[in-house]
PDB file of N, CA and C in Angstrom:
ATOM      1  N   MET A   1      12.821  48.665  -1.679  1.00  0.00           N
ATOM      2  CA  MET A   1      13.512  47.406  -1.473  1.00  0.00           C
ATOM      3  C   MET A   1      14.748  47.595  -0.605  1.00  0.00           C
ATOM      4  N   ASN A   2      15.006  48.831  -0.200  1.00  0.00           N
ATOM      5  CA  ASN A   2      16.093  49.138   0.724  1.00  0.00           C
ATOM      6  C   ASN A   2      17.449  48.682   0.183  1.00  0.00           C
ATOM      7  N   LEU A   3      17.749  49.054  -1.066  1.00  0.00           N
ATOM      8  CA  LEU A   3      19.015  48.729  -1.697  1.00  0.00           C
ATOM      9  C   LEU A   3      19.847  49.996  -1.858  1.00  0.00           C
ATOM     10  N   ARG A   4      21.151  49.823  -1.817  1.00  0.00           N
ATOM     11  CA  ARG A   4      22.060  50.966  -2.008  1.00  0.00           C
ATOM     12  C   ARG A   4      22.317  51.144  -3.510  1.00  0.00           C
ATOM     13  N   ILE A   5      21.943  52.282  -4.023  1.00  0.00           N
ATOM     14  CA  ILE A   5      22.110  52.585  -5.441  1.00  0.00           C
ATOM     15  C   ILE A   5      23.042  53.788  -5.563  1.00  0.00           C
ATOM     16  N   GLN A   6      24.119  53.633  -6.311  1.00  0.00           N
ATOM     17  CA  GLN A   6      25.030  54.752  -6.521  1.00  0.00           C
ATOM     18  C   GLN A   6      24.508  55.705  -7.609  1.00  0.00           C
ATOM     19  N   SER A   7      23.906  55.132  -8.642  1.00  0.00           N
ATOM     20  CA  SER A   7      23.455  55.960  -9.759  1.00  0.00           C
ATOM     21  C   SER A   7      22.345  55.245 -10.517  1.00  0.00           C
ATOM     22  N   ALA A   8      21.356  56.014 -10.927  1.00  0.00           N
ATOM     23  CA  ALA A   8      20.286  55.478 -11.769  1.00  0.00           C
ATOM     24  C   ALA A   8      19.912  56.552 -12.785  1.00  0.00           C
ATOM     25  N   ARG A   9      19.869  56.158 -14.044  1.00  0.00           N
ATOM     26  CA  ARG A   9      19.525  57.091 -15.121  1.00  0.00           C
ATOM     27  C   ARG A   9      18.612  56.389 -16.109  1.00  0.00           C
ATOM     28  N   VAL A  10      17.702  57.155 -16.668  1.00  0.00           N
ATOM     29  CA  VAL A  10      16.862  56.631 -17.740  1.00  0.00           C
ATOM     30  C   VAL A  10      16.783  57.687 -18.836  1.00  0.00           C
ATOM     31  N   ARG A  11      16.844  57.241 -20.060  1.00  0.00           N
ATOM     32  CA  ARG A  11      16.688  58.127 -21.211  1.00  0.00           C
ATOM     33  C   ARG A  11      15.573  57.544 -22.064  1.00  0.00           C
ATOM     34  N   VAL A  12      14.592  58.372 -22.379  1.00  0.00           N
ATOM     35  CA  VAL A  12      13.471  57.938 -23.194  1.00  0.00           C
ATOM     36  C   VAL A  12      13.479  58.741 -24.485  1.00  0.00           C
ATOM     37  N   GLU A  13      13.428  58.044 -25.596  1.00  0.00           N
ATOM     38  CA  GLU A  13      13.382  58.677 -26.912  1.00  0.00           C
ATOM     39  C   GLU A  13      12.157  58.170 -27.650  1.00  0.00           C
ATOM     40  N   MET A  14      11.586  59.040 -28.473  1.00  0.00           N
ATOM     41  CA  MET A  14      10.409  58.681 -29.258  1.00  0.00           C
ATOM     42  C   MET A  14      10.610  59.111 -30.694  1.00  0.00           C
ATOM     43  N   ASP A  15      10.199  58.258 -31.611  1.00  0.00           N
ATOM     44  CA  ASP A  15      10.173  58.620 -33.024  1.00  0.00           C
ATOM     45  C   ASP A  15       8.746  59.040 -33.350  1.00  0.00           C
ATOM     46  N   CYS A  16       8.532  60.335 -33.386  1.00  0.00           N
ATOM     47  CA  CYS A  16       7.194  60.880 -33.646  1.00  0.00           C
ATOM     48  C   CYS A  16       7.154  61.484 -35.043  1.00  0.00           C
ATOM     49  N   PHE A  17       5.965  61.558 -35.578  1.00  0.00           N
ATOM     50  CA  PHE A  17       5.802  62.157 -36.902  1.00  0.00           C
ATOM     51  C   PHE A  17       4.529  62.976 -36.932  1.00  0.00           C
ATOM     52  N   GLN A  18       4.531  63.937 -37.817  1.00  0.00           N
ATOM     53  CA  GLN A  18       3.335  64.738 -38.073  1.00  0.00           C
ATOM     54  C   GLN A  18       3.336  65.061 -39.555  1.00  0.00           C
ATOM     55  N   GLY A  19       2.176  64.936 -40.173  1.00  0.00           N
ATOM     56  CA  GLY A  19       2.078  65.194 -41.600  1.00  0.00           C
ATOM     57  C   GLY A  19       0.722  65.762 -41.956  1.00  0.00           C
ATOM     58  N   GLY A  20       0.527  65.957 -43.225  1.00  0.00           N
ATOM     59  CA  GLY A  20      -0.725  66.531 -43.695  1.00  0.00           C
ATOM     60  C   GLY A  20      -0.753  68.034 -43.492  1.00  0.00           C
ATOM     61  N   SER A  21      -1.941  68.582 -43.542  1.00  0.00           N
ATOM     62  CA  SER A  21      -2.111  70.032 -43.485  1.00  0.00           C
ATOM     63  C   SER A  21      -3.234  70.387 -42.511  1.00  0.00           C
ATOM     64  N   VAL A  22      -2.928  71.294 -41.601  1.00  0.00           N
ATOM     65  CA  VAL A  22      -3.965  71.805 -40.702  1.00  0.00           C
ATOM     66  C   VAL A  22      -4.995  72.571 -41.513  1.00  0.00           C
ATOM     67  N   LEU A  23      -4.537  73.387 -42.460  1.00  0.00           N
ATOM     68  CA  LEU A  23      -5.450  74.215 -43.249  1.00  0.00           C
ATOM     69  C   LEU A  23      -6.391  73.370 -44.110  1.00  0.00           C
ATOM     70  N   GLN A  24      -5.900  72.232 -44.604  1.00  0.00           N
ATOM     71  CA  GLN A  24      -6.729  71.367 -45.434  1.00  0.00           C
ATOM     72  C   GLN A  24      -7.484  70.316 -44.618  1.00  0.00           C
ATOM     73  N   GLY A  25      -7.238  70.288 -43.313  1.00  0.00           N
ATOM     74  CA  GLY A  25      -7.928  69.325 -42.454  1.00  0.00           C
ATOM     75  C   GLY A  25      -7.420  67.904 -42.587  1.00  0.00           C
ATOM     76  N   THR A  26      -6.180  67.738 -43.033  1.00  0.00           N
ATOM     77  CA  THR A  26      -5.627  66.400 -43.244  1.00  0.00           C
ATOM     78  C   THR A  26      -4.483  66.080 -42.271  1.00  0.00           C
ATOM     79  N   VAL A  27      -4.332  66.875 -41.242  1.00  0.00           N
ATOM     80  CA  VAL A  27      -3.213  66.690 -40.315  1.00  0.00           C
ATOM     81  C   VAL A  27      -3.316  65.336 -39.604  1.00  0.00           C
ATOM     82  N   VAL A  28      -2.190  64.652 -39.490  1.00  0.00           N
ATOM     83  CA  VAL A  28      -2.089  63.374 -38.783  1.00  0.00           C
ATOM     84  C   VAL A  28      -0.805  63.390 -37.958  1.00  0.00           C
ATOM     85  N   SER A  29      -0.796  62.638 -36.885  1.00  0.00           N
ATOM     86  CA  SER A  29       0.422  62.524 -36.088  1.00  0.00           C
ATOM     87  C   SER A  29       0.464  61.148 -35.454  1.00  0.00           C
ATOM     88  N   GLY A  30       1.623  60.767 -35.015  1.00  0.00           N
ATOM     89  CA  GLY A  30       1.760  59.476 -34.365  1.00  0.00           C
ATOM     90  C   GLY A  30       3.173  59.269 -33.869  1.00  0.00           C
ATOM     91  N   CYS A  31       3.405  58.089 -33.394  1.00  0.00           N
ATOM     92  CA  CYS A  31       4.707  57.707 -32.870  1.00  0.00           C
ATOM     93  C   CYS A  31       4.991  56.295 -33.346  1.00  0.00           C
ATOM     94  N   SER A  32       6.128  56.088 -33.974  1.00  0.00           N
ATOM     95  CA  SER A  32       6.435  54.773 -34.525  1.00  0.00           C
ATOM     96  C   SER A  32       7.268  53.906 -33.588  1.00  0.00           C
ATOM     97  N   GLU A  33       7.947  54.529 -32.628  1.00  0.00           N
ATOM     98  CA  GLU A  33       8.734  53.734 -31.682  1.00  0.00           C
ATOM     99  C   GLU A  33       9.088  54.580 -30.468  1.00  0.00           C
ATOM    100  N   VAL A  34       9.142  53.905 -29.320  1.00  0.00           N
ATOM    101  CA  VAL A  34       9.615  54.518 -28.082  1.00  0.00           C
ATOM    102  C   VAL A  34      10.748  53.649 -27.572  1.00  0.00           C
ATOM    103  N   ARG A  35      11.847  54.280 -27.196  1.00  0.00           N
ATOM    104  CA  ARG A  35      12.993  53.556 -26.664  1.00  0.00           C
ATOM    105  C   ARG A  35      13.271  54.041 -25.248  1.00  0.00           C
ATOM    106  N   SER A  36      13.510  53.101 -24.348  1.00  0.00           N
ATOM    107  CA  SER A  36      13.822  53.411 -22.964  1.00  0.00           C
ATOM    108  C   SER A  36      15.162  52.760 -22.627  1.00  0.00           C
ATOM    109  N   ASP A  37      16.152  53.574 -22.283  1.00  0.00           N
ATOM    110  CA  ASP A  37      17.474  53.070 -21.915  1.00  0.00           C
ATOM    111  C   ASP A  37      17.700  53.367 -20.437  1.00  0.00           C
ATOM    112  N   PHE A  38      17.843  52.314 -19.645  1.00  0.00           N
ATOM    113  CA  PHE A  38      17.951  52.426 -18.197  1.00  0.00           C
ATOM    114  C   PHE A  38      19.344  51.973 -17.771  1.00  0.00           C
ATOM    115  N   GLU A  39      20.015  52.782 -16.932  1.00  0.00           N
ATOM    116  CA  GLU A  39      21.337  52.429 -16.417  1.00  0.00           C
ATOM    117  C   GLU A  39      21.307  52.501 -14.904  1.00  0.00           C
ATOM    118  N   LEU A  40      21.873  51.496 -14.271  1.00  0.00           N
ATOM    119  CA  LEU A  40      21.874  51.412 -12.823  1.00  0.00           C
ATOM    120  C   LEU A  40      23.270  51.018 -12.368  1.00  0.00           C
ATOM    121  N   GLU A  41      23.767  51.683 -11.332  1.00  0.00           N
ATOM    122  CA  GLU A  41      25.056  51.323 -10.756  1.00  0.00           C
ATOM    123  C   GLU A  41      24.865  51.070  -9.271  1.00  0.00           C
ATOM    124  N   SER A  42      25.322  49.886  -8.823  1.00  0.00           N
ATOM    125  CA  SER A  42      25.155  49.504  -7.431  1.00  0.00           C
ATOM    126  C   SER A  42      26.083  48.335  -7.116  1.00  0.00           C
ATOM    127  N   ASP A  43      26.476  48.231  -5.863  1.00  0.00           N
ATOM    128  CA  ASP A  43      27.287  47.101  -5.405  1.00  0.00           C
ATOM    129  C   ASP A  43      26.424  45.965  -4.867  1.00  0.00           C
ATOM    130  N   GLU A  44      25.115  46.128  -4.910  1.00  0.00           N
ATOM    131  CA  GLU A  44      24.203  45.092  -4.424  1.00  0.00           C
ATOM    132  C   GLU A  44      24.288  43.866  -5.345  1.00  0.00           C
ATOM    133  N   PRO A  45      23.877  42.699  -4.860  1.00  0.00           N
ATOM    134  CA  PRO A  45      23.894  41.490  -5.701  1.00  0.00           C
ATOM    135  C   PRO A  45      23.012  41.661  -6.945  1.00  0.00           C
ATOM    136  N   ASP A  46      23.494  41.131  -8.064  1.00  0.00           N
ATOM    137  CA  ASP A  46      22.767  41.247  -9.332  1.00  0.00           C
ATOM    138  C   ASP A  46      21.335  40.730  -9.218  1.00  0.00           C
ATOM    139  N   GLU A  47      21.139  39.639  -8.495  1.00  0.00           N
ATOM    140  CA  GLU A  47      19.797  39.061  -8.376  1.00  0.00           C
ATOM    141  C   GLU A  47      18.813  40.061  -7.761  1.00  0.00           C
ATOM    142  N   LYS A  48      19.242  40.771  -6.723  1.00  0.00           N
ATOM    143  CA  LYS A  48      18.373  41.771  -6.089  1.00  0.00           C
ATOM    144  C   LYS A  48      18.135  42.954  -7.024  1.00  0.00           C
ATOM    145  N   LEU A  49      19.175  43.335  -7.765  1.00  0.00           N
ATOM    146  CA  LEU A  49      19.043  44.475  -8.679  1.00  0.00           C
ATOM    147  C   LEU A  49      18.137  44.127  -9.859  1.00  0.00           C
ATOM    148  N   ARG A  50      18.218  42.901 -10.348  1.00  0.00           N
ATOM    149  CA  ARG A  50      17.318  42.480 -11.427  1.00  0.00           C
ATOM    150  C   ARG A  50      15.858  42.518 -10.965  1.00  0.00           C
ATOM    151  N   LEU A  51      15.615  42.119  -9.725  1.00  0.00           N
ATOM    152  CA  LEU A  51      14.263  42.181  -9.176  1.00  0.00           C
ATOM    153  C   LEU A  51      13.807  43.633  -9.038  1.00  0.00           C
ATOM    154  N   LEU A  52      14.695  44.492  -8.586  1.00  0.00           N
ATOM    155  CA  LEU A  52      14.384  45.924  -8.490  1.00  0.00           C
ATOM    156  C   LEU A  52      14.018  46.495  -9.861  1.00  0.00           C
ATOM    157  N   ILE A  53      14.812  46.184 -10.873  1.00  0.00           N
ATOM    158  CA  ILE A  53      14.558  46.687 -12.229  1.00  0.00           C
ATOM    159  C   ILE A  53      13.238  46.129 -12.763  1.00  0.00           C
ATOM    160  N   ARG A  54      12.987  44.838 -12.534  1.00  0.00           N
ATOM    161  CA  ARG A  54      11.724  44.242 -12.977  1.00  0.00           C
ATOM    162  C   ARG A  54      10.536  44.936 -12.319  1.00  0.00           C
ATOM    163  N   ASN A  55      10.624  45.177 -11.018  1.00  0.00           N
ATOM    164  CA  ASN A  55       9.547  45.856 -10.305  1.00  0.00           C
ATOM    165  C   ASN A  55       9.345  47.278 -10.824  1.00  0.00           C
ATOM    166  N   ALA A  56      10.439  47.984 -11.091  1.00  0.00           N
ATOM    167  CA  ALA A  56      10.347  49.362 -11.595  1.00  0.00           C
ATOM    168  C   ALA A  56       9.679  49.386 -12.968  1.00  0.00           C
ATOM    169  N   LYS A  57      10.049  48.452 -13.840  1.00  0.00           N
ATOM    170  CA  LYS A  57       9.452  48.412 -15.173  1.00  0.00           C
ATOM    171  C   LYS A  57       7.976  48.032 -15.111  1.00  0.00           C
ATOM    172  N   ARG A  58       7.626  47.111 -14.217  1.00  0.00           N
ATOM    173  CA  ARG A  58       6.222  46.737 -14.060  1.00  0.00           C
ATOM    174  C   ARG A  58       5.384  47.892 -13.517  1.00  0.00           C
ATOM    175  N   ALA A  59       5.995  48.753 -12.714  1.00  0.00           N
ATOM    176  CA  ALA A  59       5.276  49.868 -12.096  1.00  0.00           C
ATOM    177  C   ALA A  59       5.304  51.135 -12.943  1.00  0.00           C
ATOM    178  N   CYS A  60       5.999  51.119 -14.069  1.00  0.00           N
ATOM    179  CA  CYS A  60       6.163  52.328 -14.887  1.00  0.00           C
ATOM    180  C   CYS A  60       4.904  52.571 -15.732  1.00  0.00           C
ATOM    181  N   PHE A  61       4.184  53.636 -15.412  1.00  0.00           N
ATOM    182  CA  PHE A  61       2.971  53.974 -16.156  1.00  0.00           C
ATOM    183  C   PHE A  61       3.284  54.223 -17.629  1.00  0.00           C
ATOM    184  N   ALA A  62       4.366  54.925 -17.914  1.00  0.00           N
ATOM    185  CA  ALA A  62       4.687  55.278 -19.299  1.00  0.00           C
ATOM    186  C   ALA A  62       4.962  54.032 -20.141  1.00  0.00           C
ATOM    187  N   GLU A  63       5.813  53.135 -19.651  1.00  0.00           N
ATOM    188  CA  GLU A  63       6.122  51.934 -20.423  1.00  0.00           C
ATOM    189  C   GLU A  63       4.875  51.074 -20.626  1.00  0.00           C
ATOM    190  N   ASN A  64       4.080  50.923 -19.594  1.00  0.00           N
ATOM    191  CA  ASN A  64       2.887  50.088 -19.700  1.00  0.00           C
ATOM    192  C   ASN A  64       1.836  50.707 -20.612  1.00  0.00           C
ATOM    193  N   MET A  65       1.724  52.032 -20.618  1.00  0.00           N
ATOM    194  CA  MET A  65       0.759  52.679 -21.496  1.00  0.00           C
ATOM    195  C   MET A  65       1.155  52.493 -22.963  1.00  0.00           C
ATOM    196  N   VAL A  66       2.453  52.573 -23.244  1.00  0.00           N
ATOM    197  CA  VAL A  66       2.921  52.415 -24.618  1.00  0.00           C
ATOM    198  C   VAL A  66       2.762  50.971 -25.080  1.00  0.00           C
ATOM    199  N   GLN A  67       2.977  50.004 -24.200  1.00  0.00           N
ATOM    200  CA  GLN A  67       2.941  48.590 -24.584  1.00  0.00           C
ATOM    201  C   GLN A  67       1.538  48.017 -24.649  1.00  0.00           C
ATOM    202  N   THR A  68       0.583  48.648 -24.011  1.00  0.00           N
ATOM    203  CA  THR A  68      -0.758  48.099 -23.887  1.00  0.00           C
ATOM    204  C   THR A  68      -1.769  49.022 -24.554  1.00  0.00           C
ATOM    205  N   THR A  69      -2.639  48.461 -25.356  1.00  0.00           N
ATOM    206  CA  THR A  69      -3.715  49.254 -25.927  1.00  0.00           C
ATOM    207  C   THR A  69      -4.705  49.560 -24.816  1.00  0.00           C
ATOM    208  N   ILE A  70      -4.939  50.838 -24.603  1.00  0.00           N
ATOM    209  CA  ILE A  70      -5.881  51.251 -23.575  1.00  0.00           C
ATOM    210  C   ILE A  70      -6.938  52.156 -24.184  1.00  0.00           C
ATOM    211  N   PRO A  71      -8.148  52.121 -23.670  1.00  0.00           N
ATOM    212  CA  PRO A  71      -9.176  53.010 -24.202  1.00  0.00           C
ATOM    213  C   PRO A  71      -8.888  54.458 -23.838  1.00  0.00           C
ATOM    214  N   LEU A  72      -9.228  55.342 -24.739  1.00  0.00           N
ATOM    215  CA  LEU A  72      -9.111  56.776 -24.499  1.00  0.00           C
ATOM    216  C   LEU A  72     -10.510  57.357 -24.440  1.00  0.00           C
ATOM    217  N   ARG A  73     -10.815  57.981 -23.344  1.00  0.00           N
ATOM    218  CA  ARG A  73     -12.099  58.663 -23.202  1.00  0.00           C
ATOM    219  C   ARG A  73     -11.796  60.153 -23.230  1.00  0.00           C
ATOM    220  N   SER A  74     -12.311  60.836 -24.207  1.00  0.00           N
ATOM    221  CA  SER A  74     -12.006  62.250 -24.421  1.00  0.00           C
ATOM    222  C   SER A  74     -13.302  63.045 -24.493  1.00  0.00           C
ATOM    223  N   SER A  75     -13.293  64.217 -23.872  1.00  0.00           N
ATOM    224  CA  SER A  75     -14.457  65.103 -23.980  1.00  0.00           C
ATOM    225  C   SER A  75     -13.982  66.487 -24.383  1.00  0.00           C
ATOM    226  N   VAL A  76     -14.845  67.190 -25.092  1.00  0.00           N
ATOM    227  CA  VAL A  76     -14.536  68.537 -25.567  1.00  0.00           C
ATOM    228  C   VAL A  76     -15.723  69.435 -25.263  1.00  0.00           C
ATOM    229  N   LYS A  77     -15.426  70.623 -24.742  1.00  0.00           N
ATOM    230  CA  LYS A  77     -16.468  71.620 -24.543  1.00  0.00           C
ATOM    231  C   LYS A  77     -16.110  72.859 -25.352  1.00  0.00           C
ATOM    232  N   LEU A  78     -17.126  73.409 -25.996  1.00  0.00           N
ATOM    233  CA  LEU A  78     -16.984  74.642 -26.758  1.00  0.00           C
ATOM    234  C   LEU A  78     -17.928  75.653 -26.142  1.00  0.00           C
ATOM    235  N   ASN A  79     -17.361  76.719 -25.626  1.00  0.00           N
ATOM    236  CA  ASN A  79     -18.158  77.742 -24.939  1.00  0.00           C
ATOM    237  C   ASN A  79     -19.031  77.128 -23.839  1.00  0.00           C
ATOM    238  N   GLY A  80     -18.453  76.169 -23.111  1.00  0.00           N
ATOM    239  CA  GLY A  80     -19.145  75.563 -21.990  1.00  0.00           C
ATOM    240  C   GLY A  80     -20.099  74.444 -22.336  1.00  0.00           C
ATOM    241  N   LYS A  81     -20.263  74.144 -23.620  1.00  0.00           N
ATOM    242  CA  LYS A  81     -21.202  73.094 -24.026  1.00  0.00           C
ATOM    243  C   LYS A  81     -20.434  71.921 -24.633  1.00  0.00           C
ATOM    244  N   PRO A  82     -20.783  70.689 -24.225  1.00  0.00           N
ATOM    245  CA  PRO A  82     -20.112  69.520 -24.808  1.00  0.00           C
ATOM    246  C   PRO A  82     -20.409  69.401 -26.300  1.00  0.00           C
ATOM    247  N   ILE A  83     -19.376  69.044 -27.066  1.00  0.00           N
ATOM    248  CA  ILE A  83     -19.552  68.822 -28.507  1.00  0.00           C
ATOM    249  C   ILE A  83     -18.846  67.534 -28.902  1.00  0.00           C
ATOM    250  N   ASP A  84     -19.272  66.957 -30.010  1.00  0.00           N
ATOM    251  CA  ASP A  84     -18.578  65.825 -30.609  1.00  0.00           C
ATOM    252  C   ASP A  84     -17.636  66.364 -31.664  1.00  0.00           C
ATOM    253  N   VAL A  85     -16.450  65.782 -31.735  1.00  0.00           N
ATOM    254  CA  VAL A  85     -15.476  66.160 -32.756  1.00  0.00           C
ATOM    255  C   VAL A  85     -15.168  64.906 -33.570  1.00  0.00           C
ATOM    256  N   PRO A  86     -15.797  64.757 -34.741  1.00  0.00           N
ATOM    257  CA  PRO A  86     -15.526  63.570 -35.558  1.00  0.00           C
ATOM    258  C   PRO A  86     -14.110  63.632 -36.106  1.00  0.00           C
ATOM    259  N   LEU A  87     -13.387  62.512 -36.012  1.00  0.00           N
ATOM    260  CA  LEU A  87     -12.017  62.480 -36.516  1.00  0.00           C
ATOM    261  C   LEU A  87     -11.961  61.980 -37.956  1.00  0.00           C
ATOM    262  N   ASP A  88     -13.018  61.325 -38.386  1.00  0.00           N
ATOM    263  CA  ASP A  88     -13.096  60.852 -39.773  1.00  0.00           C
ATOM    264  C   ASP A  88     -14.130  61.691 -40.498  1.00  0.00           C
ATOM    265  N   ASP A  89     -13.883  61.892 -41.782  1.00  0.00           N
ATOM    266  CA  ASP A  89     -14.863  62.651 -42.597  1.00  0.00           C
ATOM    267  C   ASP A  89     -16.004  61.795 -43.024  1.00  0.00           C
TER     268      ASP A  89
END
């Protein structure tokens, strides 16, 4: 957008958890919240900077992946051969 930016910073934090037991086959993990704190410093007009920030957030793969349920396609090979790994007993 050809804007003059003095400083831009982003900090991303996640509340992740892991529980259960690997040895007992009950291990679980997840994330309960993701926080993104974005700071921008510029002398450009606020209206242009708001558009820049909106465009950046719309283009952010990480934010969009967290906000949107997306299908996961996963494959596993054991000794070169595809296998199924059931996650439920």
